[in-house]
Amino acid sequence: MTDKVLNLPMRKCYAEQILSGEKVREYRPFTDHWAVRLCEFDDPKEPDLVTGLKHYDRAHFFPYNKNWWLDVEITDIYLCTVNQDFIEDFESEVTAKVGDDIFIVSLGKVLGYDGIGDRRK
């Protein structure tokens, strides 16, 4: 069976944080672009009527110039409305304000990488 891969552009400094274990979640705003990639809909013409979230096995992080890559297991994907408690707990990880809807991609083990860190795997 083929893995379902979520391709996510990312800055190298954040990929290195994932590689070191410091970063365990990736955040994306609830926009039309990310909703189409991450949500399921009964009617794609009604993007506000989300019926579920798509399943992905791994994230493939890369920069636009593609000179490195990082593959990481995805353990879950959530859709969250930011509240004050969220801001207090996660303000160092994400720029969001109360009332914003965001996707949270929970990351598991590193599956492979090249061009980052002190070695290639």
Protein backbone atom coordinates (compact mmCIF):
# COMPACT_ATOMS: atom_id res chain seq x y z
CA MET A 1 0.00 0.00 0.00
CA THR A 2 1.30 3.45 -0.91
CA ASP A 3 1.69 6.10 1.79
CA LYS A 4 -0.49 9.18 1.49
CA VAL A 5 1.96 12.08 1.49
CA LEU A 6 1.19 15.68 2.45
CA ASN A 7 3.68 18.01 0.74
CA LEU A 8 4.43 21.03 2.90
CA PRO A 9 6.83 23.83 2.01
CA MET A 10 8.88 24.93 5.00
CA ARG A 11 11.86 27.03 6.04
CA LYS A 12 14.99 25.07 6.83
CA CYS A 13 15.24 26.39 10.40
CA TYR A 14 11.86 24.82 11.24
CA ALA A 15 12.81 21.52 9.58
CA GLU A 16 15.93 21.43 11.74
CA GLN A 17 13.72 21.94 14.82
CA ILE A 18 11.65 18.91 13.76
CA LEU A 19 14.82 16.89 13.20
CA SER A 20 16.09 17.77 16.68
CA GLY A 21 12.74 16.90 18.30
CA GLU A 22 12.08 20.49 19.39
CA LYS A 23 9.14 20.98 16.98
CA VAL A 24 6.40 18.33 17.16
CA ARG A 25 3.51 20.15 15.46
CA GLU A 26 3.06 22.06 12.24
CA TYR A 27 0.36 24.69 11.88
CA ARG A 28 -1.45 25.92 8.77
CA PRO A 29 -4.22 28.53 8.59
CA PHE A 30 -7.74 27.55 7.59
CA THR A 31 -7.72 29.04 4.10
CA ASP A 32 -9.33 27.79 0.90
CA HIS A 33 -5.93 26.46 -0.19
CA TRP A 34 -5.34 24.37 2.94
CA ALA A 35 -9.00 23.37 3.31
CA VAL A 36 -8.99 21.75 -0.14
CA ARG A 37 -5.83 19.83 0.74
CA LEU A 38 -6.78 18.80 4.27
CA CYS A 39 -10.59 18.60 4.47
CA GLU A 40 -13.30 16.35 3.13
CA PHE A 41 -16.55 17.90 1.89
CA ASP A 42 -19.89 16.48 0.77
CA ASP A 43 -19.98 19.33 -1.74
CA PRO A 44 -16.61 20.81 -2.80
CA LYS A 45 -18.43 23.97 -3.91
CA GLU A 46 -19.36 24.59 -0.25
CA PRO A 47 -15.96 24.84 1.50
CA ASP A 48 -17.55 25.94 4.78
CA LEU A 49 -19.31 22.58 5.16
CA VAL A 50 -16.42 20.37 6.23
CA THR A 51 -17.44 16.75 6.86
CA GLY A 52 -14.06 15.44 7.99
CA LEU A 53 -10.32 15.63 7.63
CA LYS A 54 -8.26 13.68 5.11
CA HIS A 55 -5.81 11.05 6.28
CA TYR A 56 -2.10 11.38 5.51
CA ASP A 57 0.63 8.95 6.57
CA ARG A 58 3.58 11.30 6.31
CA ALA A 59 4.59 14.88 5.67
CA HIS A 60 7.20 15.71 3.07
CA PHE A 61 8.77 19.06 4.03
CA PHE A 62 10.87 20.94 1.48
CA PRO A 63 11.90 24.49 0.49
CA TYR A 64 10.82 26.01 -2.80
CA ASN A 65 14.36 25.56 -4.22
CA LYS A 66 14.21 21.87 -3.18
CA ASN A 67 17.82 21.67 -1.95
CA TRP A 68 16.83 19.62 1.12
CA TRP A 69 13.91 17.48 2.27
CA LEU A 70 12.50 15.94 5.44
CA ASP A 71 9.91 13.15 5.72
CA VAL A 72 8.05 12.78 9.01
CA GLU A 73 5.24 10.52 10.18
CA ILE A 74 1.88 12.25 10.69
CA THR A 75 0.14 10.98 13.81
CA ASP A 76 -2.98 13.16 13.49
CA ILE A 77 -4.47 16.27 11.93
CA TYR A 78 -6.83 18.54 13.85
CA LEU A 79 -8.94 21.56 12.99
CA CYS A 80 -8.98 23.97 15.89
CA THR A 81 -10.55 27.32 16.69
CA VAL A 82 -8.01 29.33 18.64
CA ASN A 83 -9.10 30.49 22.10
CA GLN A 84 -7.25 32.28 24.90
CA ASP A 85 -6.08 29.02 26.50
CA PHE A 86 -4.56 27.96 23.16
CA ILE A 87 -2.74 31.31 22.87
CA GLU A 88 -1.34 30.93 26.39
CA ASP A 89 -0.16 27.35 25.75
CA PHE A 90 1.15 27.64 22.19
CA GLU A 91 1.96 31.29 21.43
CA SER A 92 5.64 30.44 21.05
CA GLU A 93 4.78 27.91 18.31
CA VAL A 94 2.24 29.69 16.13
CA THR A 95 1.10 33.17 15.20
CA ALA A 96 -2.66 33.14 15.61
CA LYS A 97 -5.30 35.17 17.34
CA VAL A 98 -8.45 34.25 19.23
CA GLY A 99 -11.15 33.13 16.80
CA ASP A 100 -8.75 31.97 14.04
CA ASP A 101 -9.34 28.49 12.65
CA ILE A 102 -6.11 26.56 12.12
CA PHE A 103 -4.97 23.08 11.20
CA ILE A 104 -2.61 21.32 13.57
CA VAL A 105 -0.51 18.54 12.06
CA SER A 106 0.90 16.33 14.83
CA LEU A 107 4.27 14.91 13.86
CA GLY A 108 5.73 11.55 14.80
CA LYS A 109 9.07 9.98 14.02
CA VAL A 110 11.46 11.24 11.37
CA LEU A 111 11.36 8.84 8.40
CA GLY A 112 14.18 10.28 6.31
CA TYR A 113 15.98 13.47 5.29
CA ASP A 114 18.70 14.91 3.12
CA GLY A 115 20.53 18.24 3.04
CA ILE A 116 19.75 19.20 6.66
CA GLY A 117 21.23 18.27 10.01
CA ASP A 118 24.76 16.99 10.47
CA ARG A 119 24.26 13.82 8.45
CA ARG A 120 22.11 12.37 5.72
CA LYS A 121 19.66 9.60 6.30
